[in-house]
């Protein structure tokens, strides 16, 4: 994309099955628990709240709430892949928007573990 271009790039986001554990190797899993469509500056931001669990015999155990932010919703449930809906999203790259959204989400979800995808 040329410098100064206003072209928006969207990517496919395959939705997780909410409430289903997803293994992360031999040390634990994470569980997406809810999807939120947050109105923001005339657009909608999709974020996913879940819980991660670390289970390791050598290092103990731990769990925490996380938020993953795929981006702005471009087309909701645009298609279906392997039985799960796929939406088009625009990743959020603007640092000011990320900072603002981080504050908003921290207040709504009581976690500071927020990752923009």
N, C-alpha and C. Protein backbone atom coordinates (compact mmCIF):
# COMPACT_ATOMS: atom_id res chain seq x y z
N UNK A 1 0.85 -1.16 0.00
CA UNK A 1 0.00 0.00 0.00
C UNK A 1 0.91 1.24 0.00
N UNK A 2 0.67 2.18 -0.90
CA UNK A 2 1.51 3.38 -0.96
C UNK A 2 1.37 4.24 0.29
N UNK A 3 2.44 4.97 0.58
CA UNK A 3 2.42 5.88 1.73
C UNK A 3 1.30 6.90 1.55
N UNK A 4 0.54 7.14 2.62
CA UNK A 4 -0.55 8.10 2.56
C UNK A 4 -1.84 7.52 2.02
N UNK A 5 -1.84 6.25 1.65
CA UNK A 5 -3.04 5.62 1.11
C UNK A 5 -4.09 5.45 2.21
N UNK A 6 -5.34 5.55 1.83
CA UNK A 6 -6.43 5.35 2.80
C UNK A 6 -7.11 4.00 2.56
N UNK A 7 -6.52 3.16 1.73
CA UNK A 7 -7.08 1.85 1.45
C UNK A 7 -7.10 1.01 2.71
N UNK A 8 -8.23 0.34 2.95
CA UNK A 8 -8.37 -0.51 4.12
C UNK A 8 -8.18 -1.96 3.71
N UNK A 9 -7.48 -2.70 4.53
CA UNK A 9 -7.21 -4.10 4.26
C UNK A 9 -8.00 -4.94 5.26
N UNK A 10 -8.80 -5.86 4.76
CA UNK A 10 -9.54 -6.74 5.66
C UNK A 10 -8.98 -8.16 5.56
N UNK A 11 -9.17 -8.90 6.64
CA UNK A 11 -8.72 -10.28 6.72
C UNK A 11 -9.87 -11.14 7.21
N UNK A 12 -9.78 -12.44 6.96
CA UNK A 12 -10.79 -13.37 7.44
C UNK A 12 -10.52 -13.71 8.90
N UNK A 13 -11.58 -13.75 9.68
CA UNK A 13 -11.48 -14.15 11.08
C UNK A 13 -12.47 -15.29 11.31
N UNK A 14 -11.94 -16.48 11.57
CA UNK A 14 -12.81 -17.64 11.85
C UNK A 14 -13.13 -17.65 13.34
N UNK A 15 -14.41 -17.56 13.64
CA UNK A 15 -14.88 -17.49 15.03
C UNK A 15 -14.61 -18.80 15.76
N UNK A 16 -14.26 -18.68 17.04
CA UNK A 16 -14.05 -19.84 17.88
C UNK A 16 -15.38 -20.37 18.39
N UNK A 17 -15.40 -21.64 18.74
CA UNK A 17 -16.56 -22.19 19.44
C UNK A 17 -16.46 -21.73 20.89
N UNK A 18 -17.41 -20.92 21.31
CA UNK A 18 -17.37 -20.38 22.67
C UNK A 18 -17.57 -21.49 23.69
N UNK A 19 -16.80 -21.43 24.77
CA UNK A 19 -16.91 -22.42 25.84
C UNK A 19 -16.12 -23.68 25.60
N UNK A 20 -15.46 -23.81 24.46
CA UNK A 20 -14.68 -25.02 24.15
C UNK A 20 -13.20 -24.76 24.44
N UNK A 21 -12.58 -25.68 25.18
CA UNK A 21 -11.15 -25.57 25.49
C UNK A 21 -10.32 -25.82 24.24
N UNK A 22 -9.26 -25.04 24.08
CA UNK A 22 -8.34 -25.20 22.96
C UNK A 22 -6.96 -25.47 23.55
N UNK A 23 -6.43 -26.67 23.30
CA UNK A 23 -5.14 -27.07 23.87
C UNK A 23 -4.01 -26.23 23.30
N UNK A 24 -3.04 -25.93 24.16
CA UNK A 24 -1.84 -25.19 23.73
C UNK A 24 -0.62 -26.03 24.07
N UNK A 25 -0.47 -27.12 23.38
CA UNK A 25 0.65 -28.02 23.65
C UNK A 25 0.37 -28.86 24.88
N UNK A 26 1.40 -29.13 25.67
CA UNK A 26 1.24 -30.01 26.83
C UNK A 26 1.07 -29.25 28.13
N UNK A 27 1.07 -27.90 28.06
CA UNK A 27 1.11 -27.13 29.30
C UNK A 27 -0.20 -26.45 29.67
N UNK A 28 -1.23 -26.56 28.86
CA UNK A 28 -2.47 -25.88 29.24
C UNK A 28 -3.44 -25.72 28.09
N UNK A 29 -4.34 -24.75 28.25
CA UNK A 29 -5.38 -24.51 27.25
C UNK A 29 -5.94 -23.11 27.45
N UNK A 30 -6.71 -22.67 26.46
CA UNK A 30 -7.46 -21.43 26.63
C UNK A 30 -8.89 -21.68 26.17
N UNK A 31 -9.80 -20.88 26.70
CA UNK A 31 -11.22 -21.07 26.43
C UNK A 31 -11.85 -19.73 26.07
N UNK A 32 -12.18 -19.52 24.79
CA UNK A 32 -12.92 -18.31 24.42
C UNK A 32 -14.31 -18.38 25.05
N UNK A 33 -14.71 -17.34 25.77
CA UNK A 33 -15.97 -17.38 26.50
C UNK A 33 -17.06 -16.48 25.94
N UNK A 34 -16.67 -15.35 25.35
CA UNK A 34 -17.70 -14.49 24.76
C UNK A 34 -17.08 -13.59 23.69
N UNK A 35 -17.92 -13.23 22.73
CA UNK A 35 -17.54 -12.26 21.70
C UNK A 35 -18.32 -10.98 21.95
N UNK A 36 -17.65 -9.86 21.76
CA UNK A 36 -18.30 -8.57 21.98
C UNK A 36 -18.11 -7.72 20.72
N UNK A 37 -19.19 -7.10 20.29
CA UNK A 37 -19.15 -6.13 19.19
C UNK A 37 -19.34 -4.75 19.83
N UNK A 38 -18.24 -4.02 19.93
CA UNK A 38 -18.19 -2.75 20.64
C UNK A 38 -18.31 -1.59 19.67
N UNK A 39 -19.36 -0.76 19.80
CA UNK A 39 -19.43 0.45 18.96
C UNK A 39 -18.26 1.38 19.30
N UNK A 40 -17.57 1.87 18.24
CA UNK A 40 -16.43 2.74 18.46
C UNK A 40 -16.23 3.66 17.25
N UNK A 41 -16.37 4.95 17.46
CA UNK A 41 -16.16 5.97 16.41
C UNK A 41 -16.89 5.64 15.10
N UNK A 42 -18.15 5.28 15.21
CA UNK A 42 -18.95 5.02 14.03
C UNK A 42 -18.72 3.66 13.40
N UNK A 43 -17.94 2.82 14.04
CA UNK A 43 -17.67 1.47 13.53
C UNK A 43 -17.90 0.47 14.66
N UNK A 44 -17.70 -0.80 14.38
CA UNK A 44 -17.81 -1.83 15.42
C UNK A 44 -16.48 -2.55 15.54
N UNK A 45 -16.04 -2.74 16.78
CA UNK A 45 -14.82 -3.48 17.05
C UNK A 45 -15.22 -4.83 17.62
N UNK A 46 -14.64 -5.90 17.08
CA UNK A 46 -14.86 -7.24 17.61
C UNK A 46 -13.74 -7.57 18.57
N UNK A 47 -14.12 -8.02 19.78
CA UNK A 47 -13.11 -8.57 20.68
C UNK A 47 -13.65 -9.83 21.34
N UNK A 48 -12.73 -10.71 21.72
CA UNK A 48 -13.07 -12.00 22.31
C UNK A 48 -12.47 -12.06 23.71
N UNK A 49 -13.30 -12.42 24.68
CA UNK A 49 -12.86 -12.57 26.07
C UNK A 49 -12.79 -14.06 26.38
N UNK A 50 -11.72 -14.45 27.03
CA UNK A 50 -11.58 -15.86 27.39
C UNK A 50 -10.73 -16.03 28.62
N UNK A 51 -10.49 -17.28 28.96
CA UNK A 51 -9.65 -17.61 30.10
C UNK A 51 -8.55 -18.55 29.63
N UNK A 52 -7.33 -18.27 30.05
CA UNK A 52 -6.19 -19.14 29.76
C UNK A 52 -5.81 -19.88 31.03
N UNK A 53 -5.40 -21.13 30.86
CA UNK A 53 -5.02 -21.96 32.01
C UNK A 53 -3.67 -22.60 31.72
N UNK A 54 -2.75 -22.42 32.64
CA UNK A 54 -1.44 -23.06 32.57
C UNK A 54 -1.43 -24.21 33.55
N UNK A 55 -1.14 -25.41 33.07
CA UNK A 55 -1.08 -26.59 33.92
C UNK A 55 0.25 -27.27 33.66
N UNK A 56 1.17 -27.15 34.59
CA UNK A 56 2.50 -27.70 34.40
C UNK A 56 2.99 -28.32 35.69
N UNK A 57 3.45 -29.56 35.62
CA UNK A 57 3.92 -30.22 36.83
C UNK A 57 5.21 -29.59 37.36
N UNK A 58 5.99 -28.97 36.48
CA UNK A 58 7.26 -28.39 36.93
C UNK A 58 7.12 -26.95 37.41
N UNK A 59 6.12 -26.25 36.90
CA UNK A 59 6.05 -24.81 37.16
C UNK A 59 4.79 -24.37 37.89
N UNK A 60 3.96 -25.27 38.30
CA UNK A 60 2.73 -24.89 38.99
C UNK A 60 1.60 -24.66 38.02
N UNK A 61 0.57 -24.00 38.50
CA UNK A 61 -0.61 -23.74 37.68
C UNK A 61 -0.96 -22.26 37.77
N UNK A 62 -1.73 -21.79 36.82
CA UNK A 62 -2.19 -20.41 36.85
C UNK A 62 -3.27 -20.21 35.82
N UNK A 63 -4.06 -19.20 36.02
CA UNK A 63 -5.07 -18.87 35.02
C UNK A 63 -5.28 -17.37 35.02
N UNK A 64 -5.76 -16.85 33.88
CA UNK A 64 -6.00 -15.43 33.74
C UNK A 64 -7.02 -15.19 32.63
N UNK A 65 -7.65 -14.03 32.72
CA UNK A 65 -8.60 -13.60 31.68
C UNK A 65 -7.80 -12.84 30.63
N UNK A 66 -8.14 -13.10 29.37
CA UNK A 66 -7.48 -12.40 28.26
C UNK A 66 -8.53 -11.81 27.34
N UNK A 67 -8.10 -10.86 26.54
CA UNK A 67 -8.94 -10.30 25.48
C UNK A 67 -8.11 -10.28 24.20
N UNK A 68 -8.67 -10.82 23.14
CA UNK A 68 -8.06 -10.77 21.81
C UNK A 68 -8.94 -9.88 20.94
N UNK A 69 -8.31 -8.95 20.22
CA UNK A 69 -9.05 -7.99 19.40
C UNK A 69 -8.72 -8.23 17.93
N UNK A 70 -9.59 -8.96 17.20
CA UNK A 70 -9.34 -9.17 15.78
C UNK A 70 -9.38 -7.87 14.97
N UNK A 71 -10.31 -6.94 15.31
CA UNK A 71 -10.34 -5.66 14.61
C UNK A 71 -11.74 -5.13 14.38
N UNK A 72 -11.81 -4.18 13.44
CA UNK A 72 -13.10 -3.59 13.07
C UNK A 72 -13.88 -4.58 12.22
N UNK A 73 -15.18 -4.71 12.48
CA UNK A 73 -16.02 -5.60 11.69
C UNK A 73 -16.28 -4.95 10.34
N UNK A 74 -15.95 -5.68 9.27
CA UNK A 74 -16.22 -5.24 7.90
C UNK A 74 -17.47 -5.95 7.39
N UNK A 75 -17.50 -7.29 7.53
CA UNK A 75 -18.67 -8.10 7.16
C UNK A 75 -18.83 -9.19 8.21
N UNK A 76 -19.95 -9.17 8.92
CA UNK A 76 -20.23 -10.14 9.98
C UNK A 76 -20.74 -11.43 9.38
N UNK A 77 -20.14 -12.55 9.78
CA UNK A 77 -20.55 -13.88 9.31
C UNK A 77 -20.64 -13.90 7.78
N UNK A 78 -19.57 -13.49 7.14
CA UNK A 78 -19.51 -13.39 5.68
C UNK A 78 -19.55 -14.76 5.01
N UNK A 79 -19.04 -15.79 5.69
CA UNK A 79 -19.02 -17.14 5.12
C UNK A 79 -18.96 -18.15 6.25
N UNK A 80 -18.77 -19.42 5.88
CA UNK A 80 -18.70 -20.51 6.83
C UNK A 80 -17.54 -21.40 6.43
N UNK A 81 -16.75 -21.81 7.42
CA UNK A 81 -15.59 -22.66 7.15
C UNK A 81 -15.55 -23.76 8.20
N UNK A 82 -15.60 -25.00 7.75
CA UNK A 82 -15.55 -26.14 8.66
C UNK A 82 -16.59 -26.03 9.77
N UNK A 83 -17.78 -25.56 9.42
CA UNK A 83 -18.87 -25.47 10.38
C UNK A 83 -18.83 -24.27 11.30
N UNK A 84 -17.86 -23.38 11.11
CA UNK A 84 -17.77 -22.19 11.96
C UNK A 84 -17.88 -20.93 11.10
N UNK A 85 -18.55 -19.90 11.63
CA UNK A 85 -18.68 -18.66 10.86
C UNK A 85 -17.34 -17.95 10.69
N UNK A 86 -17.23 -17.25 9.57
CA UNK A 86 -16.05 -16.46 9.26
C UNK A 86 -16.52 -15.03 8.97
N UNK A 87 -15.91 -14.07 9.64
CA UNK A 87 -16.21 -12.66 9.41
C UNK A 87 -15.01 -11.99 8.76
N UNK A 88 -15.25 -10.89 8.10
CA UNK A 88 -14.16 -10.06 7.60
C UNK A 88 -13.92 -8.96 8.62
N UNK A 89 -12.67 -8.79 9.00
CA UNK A 89 -12.31 -7.74 9.95
C UNK A 89 -11.13 -6.95 9.40
N UNK A 90 -11.02 -5.72 9.87
CA UNK A 90 -9.89 -4.86 9.53
C UNK A 90 -9.04 -4.72 10.80
N UNK A 91 -7.81 -5.25 10.77
CA UNK A 91 -6.97 -5.12 11.96
C UNK A 91 -6.78 -3.64 12.34
N UNK A 92 -6.65 -3.39 13.63
CA UNK A 92 -6.52 -2.02 14.13
C UNK A 92 -5.03 -1.73 14.31
N UNK A 93 -4.51 -0.84 13.47
CA UNK A 93 -3.08 -0.53 13.52
C UNK A 93 -2.78 0.85 14.08
N UNK A 94 -3.79 1.71 14.14
CA UNK A 94 -3.57 3.07 14.63
C UNK A 94 -3.25 3.06 16.13
N UNK A 95 -2.07 3.55 16.52
CA UNK A 95 -1.69 3.52 17.94
C UNK A 95 -2.66 4.26 18.85
N UNK A 96 -3.21 5.39 18.42
CA UNK A 96 -4.14 6.15 19.27
C UNK A 96 -5.43 5.36 19.50
N UNK A 97 -5.94 4.72 18.44
CA UNK A 97 -7.15 3.91 18.57
C UNK A 97 -6.89 2.71 19.48
N UNK A 98 -5.73 2.08 19.32
CA UNK A 98 -5.39 0.95 20.19
C UNK A 98 -5.34 1.36 21.65
N UNK A 99 -4.73 2.49 21.91
CA UNK A 99 -4.61 2.98 23.29
C UNK A 99 -5.99 3.28 23.87
N UNK A 100 -6.82 3.95 23.08
CA UNK A 100 -8.18 4.29 23.53
C UNK A 100 -8.99 3.02 23.78
N UNK A 101 -8.94 2.08 22.83
CA UNK A 101 -9.69 0.83 22.97
C UNK A 101 -9.18 0.01 24.15
N UNK A 102 -7.89 0.03 24.37
CA UNK A 102 -7.33 -0.69 25.52
C UNK A 102 -7.94 -0.18 26.81
N UNK A 103 -8.01 1.14 26.97
CA UNK A 103 -8.62 1.73 28.17
C UNK A 103 -10.09 1.31 28.30
N UNK A 104 -10.83 1.40 27.20
CA UNK A 104 -12.26 1.05 27.23
C UNK A 104 -12.45 -0.41 27.63
N UNK A 105 -11.68 -1.29 26.98
CA UNK A 105 -11.84 -2.73 27.24
C UNK A 105 -11.39 -3.09 28.65
N UNK A 106 -10.29 -2.48 29.13
CA UNK A 106 -9.84 -2.74 30.50
C UNK A 106 -10.94 -2.41 31.50
N UNK A 107 -11.64 -1.32 31.29
CA UNK A 107 -12.71 -0.94 32.20
C UNK A 107 -13.92 -1.87 32.11
N UNK A 108 -14.20 -2.37 30.92
CA UNK A 108 -15.36 -3.25 30.74
C UNK A 108 -15.10 -4.67 31.20
N UNK A 109 -13.88 -5.16 31.01
CA UNK A 109 -13.59 -6.58 31.22
C UNK A 109 -12.69 -6.86 32.42
N UNK A 110 -12.22 -5.84 33.10
CA UNK A 110 -11.37 -6.00 34.29
C UNK A 110 -10.14 -6.87 34.02
N UNK A 111 -9.48 -6.62 32.90
CA UNK A 111 -8.21 -7.28 32.61
C UNK A 111 -7.32 -6.33 31.83
N UNK A 112 -6.02 -6.50 32.01
CA UNK A 112 -5.08 -5.71 31.23
C UNK A 112 -4.33 -6.58 30.23
N UNK A 113 -4.77 -7.79 30.04
CA UNK A 113 -4.15 -8.71 29.07
C UNK A 113 -4.94 -8.63 27.77
N UNK A 114 -4.59 -7.62 26.99
CA UNK A 114 -5.31 -7.33 25.75
C UNK A 114 -4.33 -7.41 24.59
N UNK A 115 -4.68 -8.20 23.58
CA UNK A 115 -3.81 -8.35 22.42
C UNK A 115 -4.57 -8.01 21.15
N UNK A 116 -4.01 -7.10 20.37
CA UNK A 116 -4.57 -6.78 19.06
C UNK A 116 -3.97 -7.74 18.05
N UNK A 117 -4.82 -8.35 17.27
CA UNK A 117 -4.36 -9.36 16.32
C UNK A 117 -3.95 -8.73 15.00
